[in-house]
């Protein structure tokens, strides 16, 4: 019984052409209509001032922005993923190595599976696909489930939770190929639970004007944290 709501925004006329101006309108429309997490499974190499302004507008309204890194096997610029307000997601193969088509670079924040992904297709059928768009959708789904399960966490805290719980791949720490690493639902949910508990305990301590409670433990006092 999920309480999640999907707001679809159509920005393309066909499968090959997406105008940045339509992207900007869709981002702003979604933000104005209550979208808290915005998935952008598309992109291109041409920057757009309108799209940049729309991303800033959505970020100011508190939206969590997630986009695919692109499928050109390149570290050249890619928009809207190459924006500090946006979580850029690359694709990994079943072997956990970076997919041969996945873009990479300093903006890459996470990776997720993006090969042989079963998805809904036209004519009420299912088919397999590949691409960083699938990977970005998976990260979006994880963020949405965390938001539903732990509404006390802000969207920025959810981003932090995914960063700290990601499985590190490649070089130790964040790198240009895998970002913080592979985001998985079990680890992210556990990290969200831990952070929620930490916030609850801190709120209790502040409410009692102390960060610890003490009790008489016999010969000496025992401190309970």
N, C-alpha and C. Protein backbone atom coordinates (compact mmCIF):
# COMPACT_ATOMS: atom_id res chain seq x y z
N UNK A 1 0.84 -1.19 0.00
CA UNK A 1 0.00 0.00 0.00
C UNK A 1 0.88 1.25 0.00
N UNK A 2 1.57 1.47 -1.09
CA UNK A 2 2.49 2.59 -1.18
C UNK A 2 1.73 3.91 -1.31
N UNK A 3 2.26 4.94 -0.70
CA UNK A 3 1.66 6.27 -0.80
C UNK A 3 2.38 7.13 -1.83
N UNK A 4 3.30 6.52 -2.58
CA UNK A 4 4.05 7.27 -3.58
C UNK A 4 3.16 7.63 -4.76
N UNK A 5 3.36 8.81 -5.29
CA UNK A 5 2.62 9.28 -6.45
C UNK A 5 3.61 9.64 -7.55
N UNK A 6 3.33 9.19 -8.76
CA UNK A 6 4.19 9.50 -9.91
C UNK A 6 3.53 10.59 -10.75
N UNK A 7 4.28 11.63 -11.05
CA UNK A 7 3.81 12.71 -11.92
C UNK A 7 4.58 12.61 -13.24
N UNK A 8 3.98 12.06 -14.28
CA UNK A 8 4.71 11.95 -15.56
C UNK A 8 4.75 13.28 -16.29
N UNK A 9 5.92 13.62 -16.83
CA UNK A 9 6.08 14.84 -17.61
C UNK A 9 6.59 14.46 -19.00
N UNK A 10 5.80 14.71 -20.02
CA UNK A 10 6.23 14.37 -21.38
C UNK A 10 6.96 15.57 -21.98
N UNK A 11 8.21 15.34 -22.35
CA UNK A 11 9.01 16.45 -22.89
C UNK A 11 9.51 16.19 -24.30
N UNK A 12 9.36 14.95 -24.78
CA UNK A 12 9.86 14.62 -26.11
C UNK A 12 8.73 14.44 -27.11
N UNK A 13 8.98 14.85 -28.34
CA UNK A 13 8.00 14.64 -29.41
C UNK A 13 8.16 13.24 -29.99
N UNK A 14 9.40 12.78 -30.05
CA UNK A 14 9.67 11.40 -30.49
C UNK A 14 10.84 10.87 -29.66
N UNK A 15 11.29 9.68 -30.00
CA UNK A 15 12.34 9.06 -29.20
C UNK A 15 13.71 9.63 -29.40
N UNK A 16 13.88 10.51 -30.37
CA UNK A 16 15.21 11.01 -30.71
C UNK A 16 15.42 12.48 -30.41
N UNK A 17 14.35 13.21 -30.16
CA UNK A 17 14.50 14.65 -30.03
C UNK A 17 13.86 15.15 -28.74
N UNK A 18 14.66 15.75 -27.88
CA UNK A 18 14.17 16.35 -26.64
C UNK A 18 14.75 17.76 -26.55
N UNK A 19 13.90 18.75 -26.49
CA UNK A 19 14.34 20.14 -26.41
C UNK A 19 14.60 20.52 -24.96
N UNK A 20 15.69 21.23 -24.72
CA UNK A 20 16.02 21.66 -23.37
C UNK A 20 14.96 22.61 -22.82
N UNK A 21 14.32 23.36 -23.70
CA UNK A 21 13.27 24.27 -23.26
C UNK A 21 12.09 23.49 -22.69
N UNK A 22 11.76 22.35 -23.30
CA UNK A 22 10.69 21.50 -22.78
C UNK A 22 11.11 20.88 -21.44
N UNK A 23 12.38 20.53 -21.34
CA UNK A 23 12.90 19.99 -20.09
C UNK A 23 12.74 21.02 -18.98
N UNK A 24 13.09 22.27 -19.26
CA UNK A 24 12.97 23.33 -18.26
C UNK A 24 11.53 23.50 -17.81
N UNK A 25 10.60 23.51 -18.76
CA UNK A 25 9.19 23.66 -18.42
C UNK A 25 8.70 22.50 -17.56
N UNK A 26 9.14 21.29 -17.89
CA UNK A 26 8.70 20.11 -17.15
C UNK A 26 9.24 20.12 -15.73
N UNK A 27 10.51 20.50 -15.56
CA UNK A 27 11.12 20.54 -14.23
C UNK A 27 10.39 21.56 -13.35
N UNK A 28 10.13 22.73 -13.91
CA UNK A 28 9.42 23.75 -13.15
C UNK A 28 7.99 23.34 -12.83
N UNK A 29 7.33 22.71 -13.80
CA UNK A 29 5.95 22.25 -13.59
C UNK A 29 5.88 21.19 -12.51
N UNK A 30 6.83 20.25 -12.54
CA UNK A 30 6.85 19.20 -11.52
C UNK A 30 7.09 19.79 -10.14
N UNK A 31 8.04 20.72 -10.05
CA UNK A 31 8.33 21.34 -8.76
C UNK A 31 7.13 22.10 -8.21
N UNK A 32 6.41 22.79 -9.09
CA UNK A 32 5.25 23.57 -8.66
C UNK A 32 4.06 22.69 -8.27
N UNK A 33 4.06 21.44 -8.75
CA UNK A 33 2.93 20.55 -8.48
C UNK A 33 3.24 19.51 -7.42
N UNK A 34 4.22 19.79 -6.59
CA UNK A 34 4.45 18.97 -5.42
C UNK A 34 5.44 17.84 -5.57
N UNK A 35 6.13 17.76 -6.71
CA UNK A 35 7.14 16.70 -6.86
C UNK A 35 8.28 16.95 -5.89
N UNK A 36 8.66 15.94 -5.15
CA UNK A 36 9.76 16.07 -4.21
C UNK A 36 11.04 15.45 -4.76
N UNK A 37 10.90 14.45 -5.63
CA UNK A 37 12.04 13.82 -6.29
C UNK A 37 11.78 13.86 -7.79
N UNK A 38 12.70 14.41 -8.54
CA UNK A 38 12.53 14.56 -9.98
C UNK A 38 13.58 13.73 -10.71
N UNK A 39 13.11 12.79 -11.53
CA UNK A 39 13.99 11.94 -12.33
C UNK A 39 14.07 12.48 -13.75
N UNK A 40 15.30 12.64 -14.23
CA UNK A 40 15.53 13.10 -15.60
C UNK A 40 16.36 12.05 -16.32
N UNK A 41 15.69 11.15 -17.00
CA UNK A 41 16.37 10.05 -17.67
C UNK A 41 16.75 10.38 -19.09
N UNK A 42 17.34 11.54 -19.29
CA UNK A 42 17.69 12.00 -20.63
C UNK A 42 18.84 12.98 -20.52
N UNK A 43 19.32 13.49 -21.61
CA UNK A 43 20.38 14.48 -21.54
C UNK A 43 21.04 14.73 -22.88
N UNK A 44 21.91 15.72 -22.90
CA UNK A 44 22.63 16.06 -24.11
C UNK A 44 23.86 16.88 -23.78
N UNK A 45 24.60 17.25 -24.80
CA UNK A 45 25.87 17.94 -24.60
C UNK A 45 25.76 19.45 -24.67
N UNK A 46 24.58 19.97 -25.05
CA UNK A 46 24.42 21.41 -25.19
C UNK A 46 23.84 22.00 -23.90
N UNK A 47 24.52 22.98 -23.32
CA UNK A 47 23.98 23.62 -22.11
C UNK A 47 22.77 24.48 -22.44
N UNK A 48 21.91 24.66 -21.47
CA UNK A 48 20.71 25.47 -21.65
C UNK A 48 20.52 26.33 -20.42
N UNK A 49 20.47 27.64 -20.61
CA UNK A 49 20.27 28.55 -19.49
C UNK A 49 18.89 28.34 -18.87
N UNK A 50 17.88 28.08 -19.70
CA UNK A 50 16.53 27.85 -19.19
C UNK A 50 16.50 26.61 -18.30
N UNK A 51 17.19 25.56 -18.74
CA UNK A 51 17.21 24.33 -17.96
C UNK A 51 17.98 24.53 -16.66
N UNK A 52 19.09 25.25 -16.72
CA UNK A 52 19.87 25.54 -15.51
C UNK A 52 19.03 26.31 -14.50
N UNK A 53 18.28 27.28 -14.97
CA UNK A 53 17.44 28.07 -14.08
C UNK A 53 16.34 27.20 -13.48
N UNK A 54 15.79 26.30 -14.28
CA UNK A 54 14.74 25.41 -13.78
C UNK A 54 15.29 24.48 -12.70
N UNK A 55 16.51 23.98 -12.89
CA UNK A 55 17.13 23.12 -11.88
C UNK A 55 17.37 23.89 -10.58
N UNK A 56 17.84 25.12 -10.70
CA UNK A 56 18.06 25.93 -9.51
C UNK A 56 16.74 26.22 -8.80
N UNK A 57 15.70 26.47 -9.58
CA UNK A 57 14.38 26.73 -9.01
C UNK A 57 13.87 25.52 -8.25
N UNK A 58 13.99 24.33 -8.85
CA UNK A 58 13.52 23.11 -8.20
C UNK A 58 14.35 22.81 -6.95
N UNK A 59 15.65 23.04 -7.02
CA UNK A 59 16.51 22.80 -5.86
C UNK A 59 16.14 23.74 -4.72
N UNK A 60 15.83 24.99 -5.03
CA UNK A 60 15.44 25.95 -4.00
C UNK A 60 14.13 25.55 -3.33
N UNK A 61 13.27 24.86 -4.08
CA UNK A 61 12.01 24.39 -3.52
C UNK A 61 12.19 23.09 -2.74
N UNK A 62 13.43 22.59 -2.71
CA UNK A 62 13.73 21.40 -1.91
C UNK A 62 13.65 20.09 -2.65
N UNK A 63 13.54 20.11 -3.97
CA UNK A 63 13.43 18.87 -4.74
C UNK A 63 14.78 18.14 -4.78
N UNK A 64 14.71 16.81 -4.76
CA UNK A 64 15.89 15.98 -4.97
C UNK A 64 15.94 15.67 -6.46
N UNK A 65 17.02 16.07 -7.12
CA UNK A 65 17.14 15.96 -8.58
C UNK A 65 18.08 14.84 -8.94
N UNK A 66 17.63 13.93 -9.81
CA UNK A 66 18.42 12.76 -10.21
C UNK A 66 18.38 12.65 -11.72
N UNK A 67 19.55 12.42 -12.34
CA UNK A 67 19.62 12.34 -13.80
C UNK A 67 20.60 11.27 -14.25
N UNK A 68 20.37 10.77 -15.45
CA UNK A 68 21.28 9.79 -16.04
C UNK A 68 22.55 10.48 -16.53
N UNK A 69 23.68 9.80 -16.37
CA UNK A 69 24.98 10.39 -16.73
C UNK A 69 25.20 10.44 -18.24
N UNK A 70 24.48 9.60 -18.99
CA UNK A 70 24.65 9.57 -20.44
C UNK A 70 25.29 8.29 -20.92
N UNK A 71 25.11 7.99 -22.20
CA UNK A 71 25.53 6.70 -22.75
C UNK A 71 26.56 6.83 -23.88
N UNK A 72 27.44 7.81 -23.77
CA UNK A 72 28.42 8.03 -24.84
C UNK A 72 29.82 7.52 -24.52
N UNK A 73 29.98 6.79 -23.40
CA UNK A 73 31.30 6.32 -22.98
C UNK A 73 32.30 7.48 -22.99
N UNK A 74 31.93 8.56 -22.32
CA UNK A 74 32.70 9.79 -22.41
C UNK A 74 32.70 10.52 -21.07
N UNK A 75 33.70 11.36 -20.88
CA UNK A 75 33.72 12.24 -19.71
C UNK A 75 33.51 13.69 -20.13
N UNK A 76 32.98 13.89 -21.33
CA UNK A 76 32.66 15.23 -21.79
C UNK A 76 31.38 15.70 -21.11
N UNK A 77 31.06 16.96 -21.27
CA UNK A 77 29.92 17.54 -20.56
C UNK A 77 28.62 16.86 -20.97
N UNK A 78 27.70 16.78 -20.00
CA UNK A 78 26.40 16.17 -20.24
C UNK A 78 25.39 16.85 -19.33
N UNK A 79 24.31 17.32 -19.90
CA UNK A 79 23.29 18.04 -19.14
C UNK A 79 21.94 17.31 -19.24
N UNK A 80 21.14 17.30 -18.18
CA UNK A 80 21.26 18.08 -16.94
C UNK A 80 22.07 17.42 -15.82
N UNK A 81 22.69 16.27 -16.10
CA UNK A 81 23.38 15.55 -15.03
C UNK A 81 24.60 16.30 -14.50
N UNK A 82 25.25 17.10 -15.34
CA UNK A 82 26.45 17.82 -14.91
C UNK A 82 26.06 19.14 -14.25
N UNK A 83 25.42 19.01 -13.11
CA UNK A 83 24.98 20.17 -12.34
C UNK A 83 25.12 19.81 -10.87
N UNK A 84 25.66 20.72 -10.07
CA UNK A 84 25.93 20.40 -8.66
C UNK A 84 24.66 20.10 -7.88
N UNK A 85 23.52 20.57 -8.36
CA UNK A 85 22.26 20.29 -7.69
C UNK A 85 21.69 18.92 -8.06
N UNK A 86 22.29 18.27 -9.04
CA UNK A 86 21.74 17.03 -9.60
C UNK A 86 22.61 15.84 -9.23
N UNK A 87 21.97 14.72 -8.88
CA UNK A 87 22.67 13.46 -8.65
C UNK A 87 22.85 12.78 -10.00
N UNK A 88 24.08 12.65 -10.44
CA UNK A 88 24.38 12.00 -11.73
C UNK A 88 24.64 10.52 -11.51
N UNK A 89 23.95 9.66 -12.26
CA UNK A 89 24.03 8.22 -12.05
C UNK A 89 24.57 7.53 -13.30
N UNK A 90 25.65 6.76 -13.12
CA UNK A 90 26.21 5.95 -14.20
C UNK A 90 25.72 4.52 -14.12
N UNK A 91 26.14 3.72 -15.07
CA UNK A 91 25.67 2.33 -15.16
C UNK A 91 26.82 1.36 -14.95
N UNK A 92 26.49 0.25 -14.26
CA UNK A 92 27.46 -0.83 -14.13
C UNK A 92 26.90 -2.10 -14.75
N UNK A 93 27.83 -2.98 -15.14
CA UNK A 93 27.48 -4.27 -15.73
C UNK A 93 27.25 -5.29 -14.60
N UNK A 94 26.73 -6.47 -14.93
CA UNK A 94 26.55 -7.51 -13.90
C UNK A 94 27.83 -7.86 -13.16
N UNK A 95 28.98 -7.59 -13.78
CA UNK A 95 30.27 -7.88 -13.15
C UNK A 95 30.70 -6.79 -12.18
N UNK A 96 29.88 -5.75 -12.01
CA UNK A 96 30.16 -4.59 -11.17
C UNK A 96 31.16 -3.63 -11.81
N UNK A 97 31.60 -3.93 -13.02
CA UNK A 97 32.45 -2.98 -13.73
C UNK A 97 31.59 -1.95 -14.43
N UNK A 98 32.18 -0.79 -14.73
CA UNK A 98 31.44 0.26 -15.40
C UNK A 98 30.98 -0.24 -16.77
N UNK A 99 29.73 0.01 -17.12
CA UNK A 99 29.21 -0.39 -18.43
C UNK A 99 30.01 0.27 -19.54
N UNK A 100 30.15 -0.44 -20.63
CA UNK A 100 30.99 0.05 -21.73
C UNK A 100 30.46 1.36 -22.33
N UNK A 101 29.17 1.65 -22.13
CA UNK A 101 28.56 2.84 -22.71
C UNK A 101 28.44 3.99 -21.72
N UNK A 102 28.66 3.74 -20.45
CA UNK A 102 28.34 4.73 -19.42
C UNK A 102 29.31 5.91 -19.44
N UNK A 103 28.75 7.10 -19.34
CA UNK A 103 29.58 8.28 -19.16
C UNK A 103 30.16 8.28 -17.74
N UNK A 104 31.15 9.11 -17.52
CA UNK A 104 31.80 9.20 -16.22
C UNK A 104 32.38 10.60 -16.08
N UNK A 105 32.86 10.93 -14.90
CA UNK A 105 33.45 12.24 -14.70
C UNK A 105 33.25 12.72 -13.27
N UNK A 106 33.63 13.96 -13.02
CA UNK A 106 33.62 14.49 -11.66
C UNK A 106 32.20 14.63 -11.10
N UNK A 107 31.20 14.66 -11.97
CA UNK A 107 29.82 14.81 -11.48
C UNK A 107 29.18 13.48 -11.13
N UNK A 108 29.78 12.37 -11.54
CA UNK A 108 29.21 11.07 -11.23
C UNK A 108 29.12 10.89 -9.72
N UNK A 109 27.92 10.60 -9.24
CA UNK A 109 27.72 10.48 -7.79
C UNK A 109 27.46 9.03 -7.38
N UNK A 110 26.71 8.29 -8.22
CA UNK A 110 26.40 6.90 -7.93
C UNK A 110 26.39 6.09 -9.21
N UNK A 111 26.41 4.78 -9.04
CA UNK A 111 26.16 3.86 -10.16
C UNK A 111 25.10 2.87 -9.73
N UNK A 112 24.44 2.29 -10.73
CA UNK A 112 23.43 1.26 -10.50
C UNK A 112 23.39 0.37 -11.73
N UNK A 113 22.81 -0.83 -11.63
CA UNK A 113 22.73 -1.70 -12.80
C UNK A 113 22.00 -1.04 -13.97
N UNK A 114 22.59 -1.15 -15.16
CA UNK A 114 21.99 -0.53 -16.33
C UNK A 114 22.04 -1.39 -17.58
N UNK A 115 22.27 -2.69 -17.39
CA UNK A 115 22.33 -3.59 -18.55
C UNK A 115 21.32 -4.72 -18.38
N UNK A 116 20.66 -5.07 -19.49
CA UNK A 116 19.66 -6.15 -19.50
C UNK A 116 18.59 -5.92 -18.43
N UNK A 117 18.08 -4.71 -18.38
CA UNK A 117 17.05 -4.36 -17.41
C UNK A 117 15.68 -4.60 -18.04
N UNK A 118 14.85 -5.37 -17.37
CA UNK A 118 13.50 -5.63 -17.87
C UNK A 118 12.61 -4.45 -17.54
N UNK A 119 11.91 -3.94 -18.55
CA UNK A 119 11.08 -2.76 -18.37
C UNK A 119 9.80 -2.89 -19.18
N UNK A 120 8.82 -2.08 -18.82
CA UNK A 120 7.57 -2.05 -19.58
C UNK A 120 7.80 -1.43 -20.94
N UNK A 121 7.19 -2.00 -21.95
CA UNK A 121 7.35 -1.53 -23.33
C UNK A 121 5.97 -1.33 -23.95
N UNK A 122 5.90 -0.73 -25.15
CA UNK A 122 4.60 -0.54 -25.80
C UNK A 122 3.85 -1.85 -26.02
N UNK A 123 2.55 -1.74 -26.28
CA UNK A 123 1.68 -2.89 -26.54
C UNK A 123 1.57 -3.82 -25.33
N UNK A 124 1.63 -3.24 -24.13
CA UNK A 124 1.45 -4.02 -22.90
C UNK A 124 2.42 -5.19 -22.79
N UNK A 125 3.66 -4.96 -23.18
CA UNK A 125 4.66 -6.02 -23.15
C UNK A 125 5.85 -5.59 -22.30
N UNK A 126 6.79 -6.52 -22.16
CA UNK A 126 8.03 -6.25 -21.44
C UNK A 126 9.20 -6.55 -22.36
N UNK A 127 10.28 -5.83 -22.17
CA UNK A 127 11.47 -6.07 -22.97
C UNK A 127 12.69 -5.66 -22.16
N UNK A 128 13.87 -6.04 -22.65
CA UNK A 128 15.11 -5.70 -21.99
C UNK A 128 15.72 -4.46 -22.62
N UNK A 129 16.34 -3.66 -21.78
CA UNK A 129 16.99 -2.46 -22.27
C UNK A 129 18.27 -2.19 -21.52
N UNK A 130 19.02 -1.22 -21.97
CA UNK A 130 20.24 -0.84 -21.28
C UNK A 130 20.42 0.66 -21.38
N UNK A 131 21.14 1.21 -20.41
CA UNK A 131 21.40 2.64 -20.43
C UNK A 131 21.45 3.21 -19.02
N UNK A 132 22.06 4.38 -18.93
CA UNK A 132 22.14 5.04 -17.62
C UNK A 132 20.77 5.54 -17.16
N UNK A 133 19.81 5.66 -18.08
CA UNK A 133 18.46 6.05 -17.67
C UNK A 133 17.86 5.01 -16.73
N UNK A 134 18.09 3.73 -17.01
CA UNK A 134 17.61 2.67 -16.13
C UNK A 134 18.27 2.77 -14.76
N UNK A 135 19.59 3.03 -14.77
CA UNK A 135 20.33 3.14 -13.51
C UNK A 135 19.80 4.31 -12.67
N UNK A 136 19.56 5.44 -13.32
CA UNK A 136 19.05 6.61 -12.61
C UNK A 136 17.66 6.33 -12.03
N UNK A 137 16.85 5.58 -12.78
CA UNK A 137 15.51 5.24 -12.29
C UNK A 137 15.59 4.37 -11.04
N UNK A 138 16.56 3.47 -10.99
CA UNK A 138 16.71 2.60 -9.82
C UNK A 138 17.11 3.42 -8.59
N UNK A 139 18.03 4.35 -8.75
CA UNK A 139 18.43 5.20 -7.64
C UNK A 139 17.24 6.06 -7.18
N UNK A 140 16.46 6.53 -8.14
CA UNK A 140 15.27 7.31 -7.80
C UNK A 140 14.28 6.47 -7.01
N UNK A 141 14.10 5.22 -7.40
CA UNK A 141 13.21 4.34 -6.68
C UNK A 141 13.66 4.11 -5.25
N UNK A 142 14.96 3.93 -5.04
CA UNK A 142 15.50 3.75 -3.69
C UNK A 142 15.27 5.00 -2.86
N UNK A 143 15.55 6.16 -3.43
CA UNK A 143 15.34 7.42 -2.71
C UNK A 143 13.88 7.58 -2.33
N UNK A 144 12.98 7.20 -3.23
CA UNK A 144 11.54 7.34 -2.97
C UNK A 144 11.09 6.42 -1.85
N UNK A 145 11.59 5.20 -1.85
CA UNK A 145 11.21 4.25 -0.80
C UNK A 145 11.73 4.69 0.57
N UNK A 146 12.94 5.24 0.58
CA UNK A 146 13.48 5.76 1.85
C UNK A 146 12.61 6.93 2.34
N UNK A 147 12.25 7.80 1.42
CA UNK A 147 11.43 8.96 1.78
C UNK A 147 10.08 8.54 2.34
N UNK A 148 9.53 7.48 1.77
CA UNK A 148 8.24 6.98 2.24
C UNK A 148 8.38 6.31 3.61
N UNK A 149 9.44 5.53 3.79
CA UNK A 149 9.61 4.78 5.03
C UNK A 149 10.07 5.66 6.18
N UNK A 150 10.85 6.70 5.87
CA UNK A 150 11.40 7.57 6.92
C UNK A 150 11.12 9.04 6.57
N UNK A 151 9.86 9.45 6.71
CA UNK A 151 9.48 10.82 6.33
C UNK A 151 10.15 11.90 7.18
N UNK A 152 10.73 11.50 8.31
CA UNK A 152 11.42 12.47 9.14
C UNK A 152 12.76 12.91 8.59
N UNK A 153 13.26 12.20 7.58
CA UNK A 153 14.53 12.58 6.95
C UNK A 153 14.28 13.58 5.84
N UNK A 154 15.08 14.60 5.78
CA UNK A 154 14.98 15.56 4.68
C UNK A 154 15.53 14.92 3.41
N UNK A 155 15.24 15.51 2.28
CA UNK A 155 15.74 14.97 1.02
C UNK A 155 17.26 15.07 0.94
N UNK A 156 17.83 16.12 1.52
CA UNK A 156 19.28 16.22 1.54
C UNK A 156 19.89 15.14 2.42
N UNK A 157 19.19 14.77 3.49
CA UNK A 157 19.66 13.68 4.35
C UNK A 157 19.54 12.34 3.64
N UNK A 158 18.54 12.17 2.80
CA UNK A 158 18.42 10.95 2.01
C UNK A 158 19.59 10.84 1.04
N UNK A 159 19.97 11.95 0.45
CA UNK A 159 21.14 11.95 -0.43
C UNK A 159 22.39 11.56 0.36
N UNK A 160 22.51 12.10 1.56
CA UNK A 160 23.64 11.76 2.43
C UNK A 160 23.63 10.28 2.79
N UNK A 161 22.46 9.74 3.08
CA UNK A 161 22.32 8.32 3.43
C UNK A 161 22.79 7.44 2.28
N UNK A 162 22.42 7.78 1.07
CA UNK A 162 22.84 6.98 -0.08
C UNK A 162 24.35 7.08 -0.31
N UNK A 163 24.90 8.25 -0.03
CA UNK A 163 26.35 8.41 -0.17
C UNK A 163 27.12 7.54 0.81
N UNK A 164 26.72 7.57 2.06
CA UNK A 164 27.45 6.86 3.10
C UNK A 164 27.24 5.35 3.04
N UNK A 165 26.12 4.90 2.45
CA UNK A 165 25.82 3.47 2.42
C UNK A 165 26.19 2.80 1.11
N UNK A 166 26.61 3.58 0.12
CA UNK A 166 26.95 3.01 -1.19
C UNK A 166 28.14 2.06 -1.07
N UNK A 167 28.10 1.01 -1.86
CA UNK A 167 29.20 0.05 -1.90
C UNK A 167 30.32 0.61 -2.76
N UNK A 168 31.46 0.86 -2.15
CA UNK A 168 32.57 1.50 -2.84
C UNK A 168 33.11 0.58 -3.93
N UNK A 169 33.26 1.11 -5.13
CA UNK A 169 33.82 0.37 -6.26
C UNK A 169 34.99 1.17 -6.84
N UNK A 170 35.90 0.49 -7.51
CA UNK A 170 37.04 1.19 -8.08
C UNK A 170 38.00 1.64 -7.00
N UNK A 171 38.56 2.81 -7.17
CA UNK A 171 39.49 3.35 -6.17
C UNK A 171 38.75 3.63 -4.87
N UNK A 172 39.52 3.61 -3.78
CA UNK A 172 38.94 3.85 -2.46
C UNK A 172 38.38 5.26 -2.39
N UNK A 173 37.13 5.37 -1.95
CA UNK A 173 36.48 6.67 -1.88
C UNK A 173 35.83 7.05 -3.20
N UNK A 174 35.33 8.25 -3.26
CA UNK A 174 34.65 8.71 -4.48
C UNK A 174 35.66 8.85 -5.62
N UNK A 175 35.25 8.39 -6.80
CA UNK A 175 36.09 8.53 -7.98
C UNK A 175 35.24 8.90 -9.18
N UNK A 176 35.88 9.19 -10.31
CA UNK A 176 35.15 9.71 -11.47
C UNK A 176 34.37 8.63 -12.22
N UNK A 177 34.63 7.36 -11.92
CA UNK A 177 33.95 6.29 -12.66
C UNK A 177 32.71 5.78 -11.92
N UNK A 178 32.81 5.64 -10.61
CA UNK A 178 31.72 5.06 -9.84
C UNK A 178 31.11 6.03 -8.82
N UNK A 179 31.66 7.22 -8.70
CA UNK A 179 31.18 8.14 -7.69
C UNK A 179 31.40 7.56 -6.31
N UNK A 180 30.37 7.61 -5.47
CA UNK A 180 30.46 7.01 -4.14
C UNK A 180 30.30 5.49 -4.21
N UNK A 181 29.80 4.99 -5.33
CA UNK A 181 29.67 3.55 -5.49
C UNK A 181 28.26 3.13 -5.85
N UNK A 182 28.01 1.84 -5.63
CA UNK A 182 26.74 1.21 -5.98
C UNK A 182 25.72 1.41 -4.86
N UNK A 183 24.58 1.99 -5.20
CA UNK A 183 23.51 2.18 -4.22
C UNK A 183 22.62 0.93 -4.20
N UNK A 184 22.41 0.37 -3.02
CA UNK A 184 21.52 -0.78 -2.88
C UNK A 184 20.45 -0.47 -1.84
N UNK A 185 19.26 -1.00 -2.04
CA UNK A 185 18.15 -0.70 -1.14
C UNK A 185 18.39 -1.17 0.29
N UNK A 186 18.84 -2.42 0.53
CA UNK A 186 19.02 -2.85 1.93
C UNK A 186 19.98 -1.96 2.71
N UNK A 187 21.13 -1.64 2.13
CA UNK A 187 22.11 -0.82 2.84
C UNK A 187 21.60 0.60 3.04
N UNK A 188 20.94 1.14 2.03
CA UNK A 188 20.43 2.50 2.14
C UNK A 188 19.33 2.59 3.19
N UNK A 189 18.46 1.59 3.24
CA UNK A 189 17.38 1.59 4.23
C UNK A 189 17.94 1.45 5.64
N UNK A 190 18.96 0.63 5.82
CA UNK A 190 19.57 0.46 7.13
C UNK A 190 20.21 1.76 7.58
N UNK A 191 20.90 2.43 6.65
CA UNK A 191 21.53 3.71 6.98
C UNK A 191 20.48 4.75 7.32
N UNK A 192 19.35 4.71 6.63
CA UNK A 192 18.26 5.65 6.91
C UNK A 192 17.68 5.39 8.30
N UNK A 193 17.54 4.12 8.66
CA UNK A 193 17.04 3.77 9.99
C UNK A 193 18.00 4.25 11.07
N UNK A 194 19.29 4.05 10.83
CA UNK A 194 20.30 4.47 11.80
C UNK A 194 20.28 5.98 12.00
N UNK A 195 20.18 6.72 10.89
CA UNK A 195 20.16 8.18 10.99
C UNK A 195 18.89 8.66 11.69
N UNK A 196 17.77 8.01 11.40
CA UNK A 196 16.51 8.37 12.04
C UNK A 196 16.61 8.16 13.55
N UNK A 197 17.19 7.04 13.96
CA UNK A 197 17.37 6.77 15.39
C UNK A 197 18.28 7.80 16.02
N UNK A 198 19.35 8.13 15.33
CA UNK A 198 20.30 9.13 15.85
C UNK A 198 19.59 10.47 16.05
N UNK A 199 18.79 10.88 15.08
CA UNK A 199 18.07 12.15 15.18
C UNK A 199 17.06 12.12 16.33
N UNK A 200 16.41 10.97 16.52
CA UNK A 200 15.43 10.83 17.60
C UNK A 200 16.11 10.97 18.96
N UNK A 201 17.26 10.31 19.12
CA UNK A 201 17.99 10.39 20.39
C UNK A 201 18.50 11.80 20.65
N UNK A 202 18.97 12.46 19.61
CA UNK A 202 19.47 13.82 19.77
C UNK A 202 18.33 14.76 20.16
N UNK A 203 17.16 14.57 19.54
CA UNK A 203 16.01 15.41 19.87
C UNK A 203 15.58 15.18 21.32
N UNK A 204 15.63 13.93 21.77
CA UNK A 204 15.29 13.62 23.16
C UNK A 204 16.27 14.29 24.11
N UNK A 205 17.55 14.22 23.77
CA UNK A 205 18.57 14.81 24.63
C UNK A 205 18.41 16.32 24.73
N UNK A 206 18.17 16.96 23.58
CA UNK A 206 17.99 18.41 23.57
C UNK A 206 16.74 18.78 24.36
N UNK A 207 15.68 17.99 24.22
CA UNK A 207 14.45 18.26 24.94
C UNK A 207 14.62 18.17 26.44
N UNK A 208 15.55 17.32 26.86
CA UNK A 208 15.82 17.17 28.29
C UNK A 208 17.02 18.01 28.73
N UNK A 209 17.51 18.86 27.83
CA UNK A 209 18.61 19.77 28.11
C UNK A 209 19.87 19.05 28.58
N UNK A 210 20.05 17.85 28.09
CA UNK A 210 21.27 17.10 28.42
C UNK A 210 21.52 16.10 27.31
N UNK A 211 22.76 15.74 27.09
CA UNK A 211 23.10 14.76 26.08
C UNK A 211 23.34 13.38 26.68
N UNK A 212 23.07 13.22 27.97
CA UNK A 212 23.24 11.93 28.59
C UNK A 212 22.34 11.81 29.82
N UNK A 213 22.05 10.60 30.20
CA UNK A 213 21.26 10.34 31.40
C UNK A 213 22.13 9.56 32.37
N UNK A 214 21.98 9.83 33.66
CA UNK A 214 22.79 9.14 34.66
C UNK A 214 21.89 8.40 35.64
N UNK A 215 22.41 7.30 36.17
CA UNK A 215 21.68 6.56 37.20
C UNK A 215 22.66 6.07 38.26
N UNK A 216 22.15 5.75 39.42
CA UNK A 216 22.99 5.25 40.51
C UNK A 216 23.33 3.81 40.23
N UNK A 217 24.62 3.54 40.03
CA UNK A 217 25.04 2.19 39.71
C UNK A 217 25.73 1.50 40.88
N UNK A 218 25.47 1.94 42.08
CA UNK A 218 26.11 1.29 43.22
C UNK A 218 27.26 2.13 43.72
N UNK A 219 28.48 1.54 43.68
CA UNK A 219 29.64 2.24 44.21
C UNK A 219 30.01 3.43 43.36
N UNK A 220 29.69 3.38 42.08
CA UNK A 220 30.00 4.51 41.21
C UNK A 220 28.86 4.70 40.22
N UNK A 221 28.78 5.89 39.67
CA UNK A 221 27.73 6.18 38.71
C UNK A 221 28.02 5.56 37.35
N UNK A 222 27.00 5.01 36.72
CA UNK A 222 27.11 4.47 35.36
C UNK A 222 26.43 5.43 34.40
N UNK A 223 27.10 5.79 33.36
CA UNK A 223 26.55 6.73 32.40
C UNK A 223 25.90 5.97 31.24
N UNK A 224 24.65 6.31 30.96
CA UNK A 224 23.94 5.70 29.84
C UNK A 224 23.87 6.71 28.71
N UNK A 225 24.33 6.32 27.51
CA UNK A 225 24.26 7.20 26.35
C UNK A 225 23.13 6.72 25.46
